[in-house]
């Protein structure tokens, strides 16, 4: 299973979840949401569907009606991994030298 990205904080109405493996089920309060999951509201004209999903970084995603949302890593504010950053001046100079354009 993928990494946890959030949890259902509140729900009113009916929402379904499609897991990354393709399985689907109705979602309920406190269900965990994982990277690769898609949450979708149902098209039910009898009431207004609403759901609040609290992400692992503390932000909330609010969905209404029959909206659909793919939960991927772009939704959370995570710092860069060490291998995605330059951490010392020698590395910075190497990048500059390798990417210099001669005029």
PDB file of N, CA and C in Angstrom:
ATOM      1  N   UNK A   1       0.844  -1.181   0.000  1.00  0.00           N
ATOM      2  CA  UNK A   1       0.000   0.000   0.000  1.00  0.00           C
ATOM      3  C   UNK A   1       0.885   1.239   0.000  1.00  0.00           C
ATOM      4  N   UNK A   2       0.429   2.281  -0.659  1.00  0.00           N
ATOM      5  CA  UNK A   2       1.165   3.541  -0.747  1.00  0.00           C
ATOM      6  C   UNK A   2       1.209   4.242   0.601  1.00  0.00           C
ATOM      7  N   UNK A   3       1.940   5.334   0.644  1.00  0.00           N
ATOM      8  CA  UNK A   3       2.071   6.122   1.870  1.00  0.00           C
ATOM      9  C   UNK A   3       0.767   6.849   2.182  1.00  0.00           C
ATOM     10  N   UNK A   4       0.479   6.969   3.458  1.00  0.00           N
ATOM     11  CA  UNK A   4      -0.704   7.696   3.915  1.00  0.00           C
ATOM     12  C   UNK A   4      -0.527   9.166   3.584  1.00  0.00           C
ATOM     13  N   UNK A   5      -1.595   9.787   3.031  1.00  0.00           N
ATOM     14  CA  UNK A   5      -1.558  11.206   2.700  1.00  0.00           C
ATOM     15  C   UNK A   5      -2.574  12.007   3.509  1.00  0.00           C
ATOM     16  N   UNK A   6      -3.585  11.324   4.078  1.00  0.00           N
ATOM     17  CA  UNK A   6      -4.590  12.058   4.840  1.00  0.00           C
ATOM     18  C   UNK A   6      -5.596  11.151   5.512  1.00  0.00           C
ATOM     19  N   UNK A   7      -6.603  11.823   6.133  1.00  0.00           N
ATOM     20  CA  UNK A   7      -7.658  11.119   6.866  1.00  0.00           C
ATOM     21  C   UNK A   7      -8.946  11.908   6.709  1.00  0.00           C
ATOM     22  N   UNK A   8     -10.078  11.201   6.643  1.00  0.00           N
ATOM     23  CA  UNK A   8     -11.378  11.852   6.538  1.00  0.00           C
ATOM     24  C   UNK A   8     -11.720  12.473   7.891  1.00  0.00           C
ATOM     25  N   UNK A   9     -11.776  13.812   7.920  1.00  0.00           N
ATOM     26  CA  UNK A   9     -12.076  14.531   9.164  1.00  0.00           C
ATOM     27  C   UNK A   9     -13.575  14.666   9.383  1.00  0.00           C
ATOM     28  N   UNK A  10     -14.323  14.884   8.295  1.00  0.00           N
ATOM     29  CA  UNK A  10     -15.786  14.952   8.397  1.00  0.00           C
ATOM     30  C   UNK A  10     -16.396  14.606   7.048  1.00  0.00           C
ATOM     31  N   UNK A  11     -17.613  14.093   7.101  1.00  0.00           N
ATOM     32  CA  UNK A  11     -18.293  13.690   5.861  1.00  0.00           C
ATOM     33  C   UNK A  11     -19.796  13.825   6.052  1.00  0.00           C
ATOM     34  N   UNK A  12     -20.454  14.311   5.015  1.00  0.00           N
ATOM     35  CA  UNK A  12     -21.904  14.381   4.971  1.00  0.00           C
ATOM     36  C   UNK A  12     -22.307  13.968   3.571  1.00  0.00           C
ATOM     37  N   UNK A  13     -23.177  12.998   3.462  1.00  0.00           N
ATOM     38  CA  UNK A  13     -23.546  12.481   2.150  1.00  0.00           C
ATOM     39  C   UNK A  13     -22.720  11.248   1.830  1.00  0.00           C
ATOM     40  N   UNK A  14     -22.631  10.947   0.534  1.00  0.00           N
ATOM     41  CA  UNK A  14     -21.963   9.720   0.101  1.00  0.00           C
ATOM     42  C   UNK A  14     -20.779  10.057  -0.800  1.00  0.00           C
ATOM     43  N   UNK A  15     -19.613   9.519  -0.420  1.00  0.00           N
ATOM     44  CA  UNK A  15     -18.404   9.615  -1.230  1.00  0.00           C
ATOM     45  C   UNK A  15     -17.830   8.222  -1.371  1.00  0.00           C
ATOM     46  N   UNK A  16     -17.225   7.976  -2.519  1.00  0.00           N
ATOM     47  CA  UNK A  16     -16.572   6.695  -2.778  1.00  0.00           C
ATOM     48  C   UNK A  16     -15.075   6.917  -2.930  1.00  0.00           C
ATOM     49  N   UNK A  17     -14.334   5.861  -2.676  1.00  0.00           N
ATOM     50  CA  UNK A  17     -12.886   5.919  -2.835  1.00  0.00           C
ATOM     51  C   UNK A  17     -12.456   4.807  -3.774  1.00  0.00           C
ATOM     52  N   UNK A  18     -11.615   5.160  -4.724  1.00  0.00           N
ATOM     53  CA  UNK A  18     -10.996   4.162  -5.587  1.00  0.00           C
ATOM     54  C   UNK A  18      -9.528   4.122  -5.207  1.00  0.00           C
ATOM     55  N   UNK A  19      -9.097   2.969  -4.730  1.00  0.00           N
ATOM     56  CA  UNK A  19      -7.710   2.792  -4.313  1.00  0.00           C
ATOM     57  C   UNK A  19      -6.817   2.653  -5.536  1.00  0.00           C
ATOM     58  N   UNK A  20      -5.537   2.829  -5.339  1.00  0.00           N
ATOM     59  CA  UNK A  20      -4.568   2.727  -6.433  1.00  0.00           C
ATOM     60  C   UNK A  20      -4.619   1.360  -7.107  1.00  0.00           C
ATOM     61  N   UNK A  21      -5.035   0.324  -6.352  1.00  0.00           N
ATOM     62  CA  UNK A  21      -5.115  -1.023  -6.931  1.00  0.00           C
ATOM     63  C   UNK A  21      -6.402  -1.258  -7.716  1.00  0.00           C
ATOM     64  N   UNK A  22      -7.286  -0.223  -7.781  1.00  0.00           N
ATOM     65  CA  UNK A  22      -8.528  -0.325  -8.548  1.00  0.00           C
ATOM     66  C   UNK A  22      -9.747  -0.691  -7.730  1.00  0.00           C
ATOM     67  N   UNK A  23      -9.573  -1.142  -6.501  1.00  0.00           N
ATOM     68  CA  UNK A  23     -10.724  -1.500  -5.659  1.00  0.00           C
ATOM     69  C   UNK A  23     -11.470  -0.236  -5.248  1.00  0.00           C
ATOM     70  N   UNK A  24     -12.789  -0.354  -5.082  1.00  0.00           N
ATOM     71  CA  UNK A  24     -13.617   0.785  -4.705  1.00  0.00           C
ATOM     72  C   UNK A  24     -14.484   0.430  -3.502  1.00  0.00           C
ATOM     73  N   UNK A  25     -14.815   1.463  -2.719  1.00  0.00           N
ATOM     74  CA  UNK A  25     -15.722   1.284  -1.581  1.00  0.00           C
ATOM     75  C   UNK A  25     -16.267   2.640  -1.175  1.00  0.00           C
ATOM     76  N   UNK A  26     -17.329   2.625  -0.374  1.00  0.00           N
ATOM     77  CA  UNK A  26     -17.864   3.862   0.180  1.00  0.00           C
ATOM     78  C   UNK A  26     -16.933   4.303   1.307  1.00  0.00           C
ATOM     79  N   UNK A  27     -16.700   5.588   1.375  1.00  0.00           N
ATOM     80  CA  UNK A  27     -15.769   6.122   2.368  1.00  0.00           C
ATOM     81  C   UNK A  27     -16.550   6.592   3.588  1.00  0.00           C
ATOM     82  N   UNK A  28     -15.914   6.545   4.759  1.00  0.00           N
ATOM     83  CA  UNK A  28     -16.575   6.981   5.978  1.00  0.00           C
ATOM     84  C   UNK A  28     -15.603   7.760   6.864  1.00  0.00           C
ATOM     85  N   UNK A  29     -16.149   8.355   7.903  1.00  0.00           N
ATOM     86  CA  UNK A  29     -15.375   9.145   8.869  1.00  0.00           C
ATOM     87  C   UNK A  29     -14.144   8.365   9.335  1.00  0.00           C
ATOM     88  N   UNK A  30     -13.018   9.046   9.435  1.00  0.00           N
ATOM     89  CA  UNK A  30     -11.741   8.516   9.928  1.00  0.00           C
ATOM     90  C   UNK A  30     -11.039   7.538   8.987  1.00  0.00           C
ATOM     91  N   UNK A  31     -11.609   7.274   7.783  1.00  0.00           N
ATOM     92  CA  UNK A  31     -10.877   6.444   6.822  1.00  0.00           C
ATOM     93  C   UNK A  31      -9.577   7.144   6.449  1.00  0.00           C
ATOM     94  N   UNK A  32      -8.536   6.355   6.247  1.00  0.00           N
ATOM     95  CA  UNK A  32      -7.255   6.901   5.816  1.00  0.00           C
ATOM     96  C   UNK A  32      -7.213   6.965   4.293  1.00  0.00           C
ATOM     97  N   UNK A  33      -6.548   7.990   3.787  1.00  0.00           N
ATOM     98  CA  UNK A  33      -6.390   8.200   2.350  1.00  0.00           C
ATOM     99  C   UNK A  33      -4.904   8.019   2.036  1.00  0.00           C
ATOM    100  N   UNK A  34      -4.621   7.301   0.954  1.00  0.00           N
ATOM    101  CA  UNK A  34      -3.243   7.001   0.582  1.00  0.00           C
ATOM    102  C   UNK A  34      -2.922   7.614  -0.781  1.00  0.00           C
ATOM    103  N   UNK A  35      -1.640   7.852  -1.018  1.00  0.00           N
ATOM    104  CA  UNK A  35      -1.208   8.367  -2.317  1.00  0.00           C
ATOM    105  C   UNK A  35      -1.685   7.408  -3.413  1.00  0.00           C
ATOM    106  N   UNK A  36      -2.308   7.979  -4.432  1.00  0.00           N
ATOM    107  CA  UNK A  36      -2.849   7.190  -5.534  1.00  0.00           C
ATOM    108  C   UNK A  36      -4.344   6.953  -5.434  1.00  0.00           C
ATOM    109  N   UNK A  37      -4.965   7.263  -4.278  1.00  0.00           N
ATOM    110  CA  UNK A  37      -6.407   7.101  -4.108  1.00  0.00           C
ATOM    111  C   UNK A  37      -7.149   8.248  -4.788  1.00  0.00           C
ATOM    112  N   UNK A  38      -8.360   7.960  -5.279  1.00  0.00           N
ATOM    113  CA  UNK A  38      -9.241   8.981  -5.833  1.00  0.00           C
ATOM    114  C   UNK A  38     -10.537   8.960  -5.043  1.00  0.00           C
ATOM    115  N   UNK A  39     -10.928  10.122  -4.524  1.00  0.00           N
ATOM    116  CA  UNK A  39     -12.169  10.268  -3.774  1.00  0.00           C
ATOM    117  C   UNK A  39     -13.164  10.993  -4.674  1.00  0.00           C
ATOM    118  N   UNK A  40     -14.409  10.476  -4.730  1.00  0.00           N
ATOM    119  CA  UNK A  40     -15.438  11.059  -5.595  1.00  0.00           C
ATOM    120  C   UNK A  40     -16.766  11.109  -4.871  1.00  0.00           C
ATOM    121  N   UNK A  41     -17.474  12.232  -5.023  1.00  0.00           N
ATOM    122  CA  UNK A  41     -18.832  12.345  -4.508  1.00  0.00           C
ATOM    123  C   UNK A  41     -19.800  11.689  -5.471  1.00  0.00           C
ATOM    124  N   UNK A  42     -20.953  11.293  -4.954  1.00  0.00           N
ATOM    125  CA  UNK A  42     -21.962  10.673  -5.809  1.00  0.00           C
ATOM    126  C   UNK A  42     -22.919  11.732  -6.346  1.00  0.00           C
ATOM    127  N   UNK A  43     -23.569  11.426  -7.449  1.00  0.00           N
ATOM    128  CA  UNK A  43     -24.547  12.325  -8.045  1.00  0.00           C
ATOM    129  C   UNK A  43     -25.917  12.022  -7.444  1.00  0.00           C
ATOM    130  N   UNK A  44     -26.145  12.575  -6.259  1.00  0.00           N
ATOM    131  CA  UNK A  44     -27.385  12.354  -5.530  1.00  0.00           C
ATOM    132  C   UNK A  44     -28.024  13.715  -5.297  1.00  0.00           C
ATOM    133  N   UNK A  45     -29.120  13.997  -5.982  1.00  0.00           N
ATOM    134  CA  UNK A  45     -29.764  15.298  -5.883  1.00  0.00           C
ATOM    135  C   UNK A  45     -30.516  15.537  -4.583  1.00  0.00           C
ATOM    136  N   UNK A  46     -30.598  14.527  -3.710  1.00  0.00           N
ATOM    137  CA  UNK A  46     -31.400  14.686  -2.506  1.00  0.00           C
ATOM    138  C   UNK A  46     -30.697  15.470  -1.400  1.00  0.00           C
ATOM    139  N   UNK A  47     -29.377  15.531  -1.412  1.00  0.00           N
ATOM    140  CA  UNK A  47     -28.661  16.302  -0.393  1.00  0.00           C
ATOM    141  C   UNK A  47     -27.323  16.775  -0.948  1.00  0.00           C
ATOM    142  N   UNK A  48     -26.706  17.699  -0.240  1.00  0.00           N
ATOM    143  CA  UNK A  48     -25.407  18.206  -0.668  1.00  0.00           C
ATOM    144  C   UNK A  48     -24.315  17.397   0.004  1.00  0.00           C
ATOM    145  N   UNK A  49     -23.540  16.712  -0.806  1.00  0.00           N
ATOM    146  CA  UNK A  49     -22.405  15.952  -0.282  1.00  0.00           C
ATOM    147  C   UNK A  49     -21.284  16.905   0.072  1.00  0.00           C
ATOM    148  N   UNK A  50     -20.629  16.651   1.199  1.00  0.00           N
ATOM    149  CA  UNK A  50     -19.436  17.422   1.560  1.00  0.00           C
ATOM    150  C   UNK A  50     -18.497  16.526   2.357  1.00  0.00           C
ATOM    151  N   UNK A  51     -17.202  16.737   2.140  1.00  0.00           N
ATOM    152  CA  UNK A  51     -16.194  15.953   2.844  1.00  0.00           C
ATOM    153  C   UNK A  51     -14.984  16.847   3.094  1.00  0.00           C
ATOM    154  N   UNK A  52     -14.379  16.674   4.263  1.00  0.00           N
ATOM    155  CA  UNK A  52     -13.141  17.365   4.598  1.00  0.00           C
ATOM    156  C   UNK A  52     -12.101  16.291   4.870  1.00  0.00           C
ATOM    157  N   UNK A  53     -11.006  16.365   4.144  1.00  0.00           N
ATOM    158  CA  UNK A  53      -9.898  15.417   4.328  1.00  0.00           C
ATOM    159  C   UNK A  53      -8.698  16.218   4.811  1.00  0.00           C
ATOM    160  N   UNK A  54      -8.193  15.851   5.985  1.00  0.00           N
ATOM    161  CA  UNK A  54      -7.024  16.515   6.550  1.00  0.00           C
ATOM    162  C   UNK A  54      -5.774  15.780   6.091  1.00  0.00           C
ATOM    163  N   UNK A  55      -4.894  16.517   5.407  1.00  0.00           N
ATOM    164  CA  UNK A  55      -3.660  15.937   4.886  1.00  0.00           C
ATOM    165  C   UNK A  55      -2.623  15.808   5.997  1.00  0.00           C
ATOM    166  N   UNK A  56      -1.604  14.997   5.760  1.00  0.00           N
ATOM    167  CA  UNK A  56      -0.562  14.761   6.760  1.00  0.00           C
ATOM    168  C   UNK A  56       0.208  16.031   7.121  1.00  0.00           C
ATOM    169  N   UNK A  57       0.198  17.041   6.242  1.00  0.00           N
ATOM    170  CA  UNK A  57       0.886  18.294   6.559  1.00  0.00           C
ATOM    171  C   UNK A  57      -0.022  19.290   7.277  1.00  0.00           C
ATOM    172  N   UNK A  58      -1.271  18.868   7.585  1.00  0.00           N
ATOM    173  CA  UNK A  58      -2.198  19.714   8.335  1.00  0.00           C
ATOM    174  C   UNK A  58      -3.177  20.498   7.483  1.00  0.00           C
ATOM    175  N   UNK A  59      -2.962  20.585   6.183  1.00  0.00           N
ATOM    176  CA  UNK A  59      -3.898  21.276   5.297  1.00  0.00           C
ATOM    177  C   UNK A  59      -5.164  20.443   5.123  1.00  0.00           C
ATOM    178  N   UNK A  60      -6.279  21.126   4.821  1.00  0.00           N
ATOM    179  CA  UNK A  60      -7.551  20.447   4.569  1.00  0.00           C
ATOM    180  C   UNK A  60      -7.922  20.549   3.104  1.00  0.00           C
ATOM    181  N   UNK A  61      -8.475  19.474   2.573  1.00  0.00           N
ATOM    182  CA  UNK A  61      -9.085  19.446   1.245  1.00  0.00           C
ATOM    183  C   UNK A  61     -10.581  19.351   1.478  1.00  0.00           C
ATOM    184  N   UNK A  62     -11.357  20.295   0.917  1.00  0.00           N
ATOM    185  CA  UNK A  62     -12.809  20.302   1.048  1.00  0.00           C
ATOM    186  C   UNK A  62     -13.395  19.986  -0.322  1.00  0.00           C
ATOM    187  N   UNK A  63     -14.289  18.998  -0.361  1.00  0.00           N
ATOM    188  CA  UNK A  63     -14.942  18.619  -1.612  1.00  0.00           C
ATOM    189  C   UNK A  63     -16.441  18.702  -1.423  1.00  0.00           C
ATOM    190  N   UNK A  64     -17.140  19.133  -2.471  1.00  0.00           N
ATOM    191  CA  UNK A  64     -18.592  19.273  -2.429  1.00  0.00           C
ATOM    192  C   UNK A  64     -19.234  18.563  -3.614  1.00  0.00           C
ATOM    193  N   UNK A  65     -20.480  18.133  -3.417  1.00  0.00           N
ATOM    194  CA  UNK A  65     -21.256  17.542  -4.502  1.00  0.00           C
ATOM    195  C   UNK A  65     -20.622  16.305  -5.077  1.00  0.00           C
ATOM    196  N   UNK A  66     -20.483  16.283  -6.409  1.00  0.00           N
ATOM    197  CA  UNK A  66     -19.923  15.105  -7.075  1.00  0.00           C
ATOM    198  C   UNK A  66     -18.494  15.350  -7.551  1.00  0.00           C
ATOM    199  N   UNK A  67     -17.780  16.237  -6.855  1.00  0.00           N
ATOM    200  CA  UNK A  67     -16.378  16.486  -7.205  1.00  0.00           C
ATOM    201  C   UNK A  67     -15.540  15.229  -7.014  1.00  0.00           C
ATOM    202  N   UNK A  68     -14.434  15.188  -7.738  1.00  0.00           N
ATOM    203  CA  UNK A  68     -13.507  14.060  -7.667  1.00  0.00           C
ATOM    204  C   UNK A  68     -12.097  14.611  -7.480  1.00  0.00           C
ATOM    205  N   UNK A  69     -11.282  13.929  -6.676  1.00  0.00           N
ATOM    206  CA  UNK A  69      -9.911  14.387  -6.428  1.00  0.00           C
ATOM    207  C   UNK A  69      -8.969  13.195  -6.333  1.00  0.00           C
ATOM    208  N   UNK A  70      -7.909  13.238  -7.150  1.00  0.00           N
ATOM    209  CA  UNK A  70      -6.811  12.276  -7.034  1.00  0.00           C
ATOM    210  C   UNK A  70      -5.869  12.786  -5.955  1.00  0.00           C
ATOM    211  N   UNK A  71      -5.531  11.938  -5.009  1.00  0.00           N
ATOM    212  CA  UNK A  71      -4.616  12.315  -3.933  1.00  0.00           C
ATOM    213  C   UNK A  71      -3.222  11.820  -4.297  1.00  0.00           C
ATOM    214  N   UNK A  72      -2.368  12.788  -4.649  1.00  0.00           N
ATOM    215  CA  UNK A  72      -0.981  12.453  -4.984  1.00  0.00           C
ATOM    216  C   UNK A  72      -0.047  13.345  -4.184  1.00  0.00           C
ATOM    217  N   UNK A  73       1.236  13.136  -4.321  1.00  0.00           N
ATOM    218  CA  UNK A  73       2.214  13.846  -3.506  1.00  0.00           C
ATOM    219  C   UNK A  73       2.239  15.343  -3.765  1.00  0.00           C
ATOM    220  N   UNK A  74       1.656  15.804  -4.863  1.00  0.00           N
ATOM    221  CA  UNK A  74       1.647  17.246  -5.139  1.00  0.00           C
ATOM    222  C   UNK A  74       0.745  18.005  -4.170  1.00  0.00           C
ATOM    223  N   UNK A  75      -0.115  17.313  -3.430  1.00  0.00           N
ATOM    224  CA  UNK A  75      -1.036  17.966  -2.512  1.00  0.00           C
ATOM    225  C   UNK A  75      -0.408  18.306  -1.160  1.00  0.00           C
ATOM    226  N   UNK A  76       0.710  17.712  -0.837  1.00  0.00           N
ATOM    227  CA  UNK A  76       1.327  17.973   0.463  1.00  0.00           C
ATOM    228  C   UNK A  76       2.605  18.782   0.291  1.00  0.00           C
ATOM    229  N   UNK A  77       2.847  19.640   1.242  1.00  0.00           N
ATOM    230  CA  UNK A  77       4.019  20.509   1.219  1.00  0.00           C
ATOM    231  C   UNK A  77       5.149  19.814   1.947  1.00  0.00           C
ATOM    232  N   UNK A  78       5.957  19.085   1.181  1.00  0.00           N
ATOM    233  CA  UNK A  78       7.073  18.362   1.769  1.00  0.00           C
ATOM    234  C   UNK A  78       8.372  19.024   1.360  1.00  0.00           C
ATOM    235  N   UNK A  79       9.342  19.087   2.266  1.00  0.00           N
ATOM    236  CA  UNK A  79      10.647  19.642   1.892  1.00  0.00           C
ATOM    237  C   UNK A  79      11.338  18.734   0.887  1.00  0.00           C
ATOM    238  N   UNK A  80      12.284  19.301   0.172  1.00  0.00           N
ATOM    239  CA  UNK A  80      13.056  18.507  -0.773  1.00  0.00           C
ATOM    240  C   UNK A  80      13.854  17.437  -0.044  1.00  0.00           C
ATOM    241  N   UNK A  81      14.008  16.314  -0.686  1.00  0.00           N
ATOM    242  CA  UNK A  81      14.873  15.264  -0.153  1.00  0.00           C
ATOM    243  C   UNK A  81      16.323  15.702  -0.327  1.00  0.00           C
ATOM    244  N   UNK A  82      17.200  15.133   0.455  1.00  0.00           N
ATOM    245  CA  UNK A  82      18.618  15.521   0.406  1.00  0.00           C
ATOM    246  C   UNK A  82      19.195  15.348  -0.993  1.00  0.00           C
ATOM    247  N   UNK A  83      18.758  14.297  -1.708  1.00  0.00           N
ATOM    248  CA  UNK A  83      19.302  14.065  -3.041  1.00  0.00           C
ATOM    249  C   UNK A  83      18.708  15.001  -4.094  1.00  0.00           C
ATOM    250  N   UNK A  84      17.760  15.881  -3.703  1.00  0.00           N
ATOM    251  CA  UNK A  84      17.175  16.841  -4.628  1.00  0.00           C
ATOM    252  C   UNK A  84      17.735  18.251  -4.431  1.00  0.00           C
ATOM    253  N   UNK A  85      18.659  18.404  -3.503  1.00  0.00           N
ATOM    254  CA  UNK A  85      19.217  19.720  -3.215  1.00  0.00           C
ATOM    255  C   UNK A  85      20.733  19.696  -3.291  1.00  0.00           C
ATOM    256  N   UNK A  86      21.304  20.873  -3.480  1.00  0.00           N
ATOM    257  CA  UNK A  86      22.758  21.017  -3.444  1.00  0.00           C
ATOM    258  C   UNK A  86      23.113  21.446  -2.030  1.00  0.00           C
ATOM    259  N   UNK A  87      23.977  20.689  -1.391  1.00  0.00           N
ATOM    260  CA  UNK A  87      24.236  20.931   0.024  1.00  0.00           C
ATOM    261  C   UNK A  87      25.596  21.523   0.341  1.00  0.00           C
ATOM    262  N   UNK A  88      26.475  21.673  -0.631  1.00  0.00           N
ATOM    263  CA  UNK A  88      27.771  22.293  -0.339  1.00  0.00           C
ATOM    264  C   UNK A  88      28.256  23.092  -1.551  1.00  0.00           C
ATOM    265  N   UNK A  89      29.182  24.013  -1.295  1.00  0.00           N
ATOM    266  CA  UNK A  89      29.633  24.932  -2.343  1.00  0.00           C
ATOM    267  C   UNK A  89      30.358  24.215  -3.486  1.00  0.00           C
ATOM    268  N   UNK A  90      31.055  23.124  -3.189  1.00  0.00           N
ATOM    269  CA  UNK A  90      31.738  22.373  -4.252  1.00  0.00           C
ATOM    270  C   UNK A  90      30.722  21.790  -5.232  1.00  0.00           C
ATOM    271  N   UNK A  91      29.634  21.268  -4.698  1.00  0.00           N
ATOM    272  CA  UNK A  91      28.574  20.727  -5.562  1.00  0.00           C
ATOM    273  C   UNK A  91      27.957  21.822  -6.406  1.00  0.00           C
ATOM    274  N   UNK A  92      27.756  22.996  -5.806  1.00  0.00           N
ATOM    275  CA  UNK A  92      27.184  24.115  -6.553  1.00  0.00           C
ATOM    276  C   UNK A  92      28.091  24.521  -7.702  1.00  0.00           C
ATOM    277  N   UNK A  93      29.394  24.596  -7.462  1.00  0.00           N
ATOM    278  CA  UNK A  93      30.334  24.985  -8.510  1.00  0.00           C
ATOM    279  C   UNK A  93      30.341  23.951  -9.631  1.00  0.00           C
ATOM    280  N   UNK A  94      30.241  22.668  -9.281  1.00  0.00           N
ATOM    281  CA  UNK A  94      30.198  21.607 -10.290  1.00  0.00           C
ATOM    282  C   UNK A  94      28.980  21.773 -11.187  1.00  0.00           C
ATOM    283  N   UNK A  95      27.822  22.059 -10.597  1.00  0.00           N
ATOM    284  CA  UNK A  95      26.597  22.265 -11.382  1.00  0.00           C
ATOM    285  C   UNK A  95      26.760  23.468 -12.301  1.00  0.00           C
ATOM    286  N   UNK A  96      27.323  24.550 -11.797  1.00  0.00           N
ATOM    287  CA  UNK A  96      27.536  25.748 -12.616  1.00  0.00           C
ATOM    288  C   UNK A  96      28.467  25.429 -13.776  1.00  0.00           C
ATOM    289  N   UNK A  97      29.588  24.756 -13.472  1.00  0.00           N
ATOM    290  CA  UNK A  97      30.553  24.422 -14.519  1.00  0.00           C
ATOM    291  C   UNK A  97      29.959  23.511 -15.587  1.00  0.00           C
ATOM    292  N   UNK A  98      29.137  22.543 -15.166  1.00  0.00           N
ATOM    293  CA  UNK A  98      28.558  21.590 -16.120  1.00  0.00           C
ATOM    294  C   UNK A  98      27.468  22.219 -16.974  1.00  0.00           C
ATOM    295  N   UNK A  99      26.887  23.305 -16.511  1.00  0.00           N
ATOM    296  CA  UNK A  99      25.765  23.919 -17.227  1.00  0.00           C
ATOM    297  C   UNK A  99      26.077  25.277 -17.798  1.00  0.00           C
ATOM    298  N   UNK A 100      27.345  25.657 -17.812  1.00  0.00           N
ATOM    299  CA  UNK A 100      27.740  26.955 -18.366  1.00  0.00           C
ATOM    300  C   UNK A 100      27.629  26.918 -19.874  1.00  0.00           C
ATOM    301  N   UNK A 101      27.194  28.038 -20.385  1.00  0.00           N
ATOM    302  CA  UNK A 101      27.098  28.188 -21.850  1.00  0.00           C
ATOM    303  C   UNK A 101      28.172  29.161 -22.281  1.00  0.00           C
ATOM    304  N   UNK A 102      29.037  28.723 -23.160  1.00  0.00           N
ATOM    305  CA  UNK A 102      30.097  29.587 -23.651  1.00  0.00           C
ATOM    306  C   UNK A 102      29.505  30.581 -24.651  1.00  0.00           C
ATOM    307  N   UNK A 103      29.829  31.846 -24.464  1.00  0.00           N
ATOM    308  CA  UNK A 103      29.285  32.889 -25.339  1.00  0.00           C
ATOM    309  C   UNK A 103      30.093  33.043 -26.589  1.00  0.00           C
TER     310      UNK A 103
END
